[in-house]
Amino acid sequence: MHVPVADRHLFLISRDQPGLWDYLRREFSSEENVEVILDRRLGRDRRSGHDRRAVPRLVGSAVSDRRIAEQRTRAPVDAQLRTLGYAMLRSSSLARA
C-alpha cells in the first residue's frame, strides 16, 4: 500500500526580521510538516563589502558545477528574502535537520 508523503513547508526568514521569525515559529509550532528558521547563510562580508560567494576557488569541475547550480536555485530565494523578508519552500523531500 502506498502511503502519501505530506509536503514539508520551510519558512526561511531574513536575519533582519526576528519578529516575523518569532511570530511564525509560534503560529506553526503545532504543525509537524512546517519548519521556520532564520537565514544563516553568509553573503556579503559586512566589513569589506566583498561578496564571499563570488571569490574564485580552484576546485574540481564537479564541485564548481554543483556550486553554479546551487547559485541558480538560490537566486529566487535570495530575491524573496530581500523584498519580502521571508521565503517559503515546499517539498515532499525536505528533511528535518
Foldseek 3Di string as FASTA:
>chain_A
DDDDQDKAKEKEFEPVCVVVLVVVCVVCVVPPRYYYYYDPDDAADVVPRHGPLPDDDPDDPVVVVVSVVVVVVCVVQVVCCVPVRIDMDIGSPDDDD
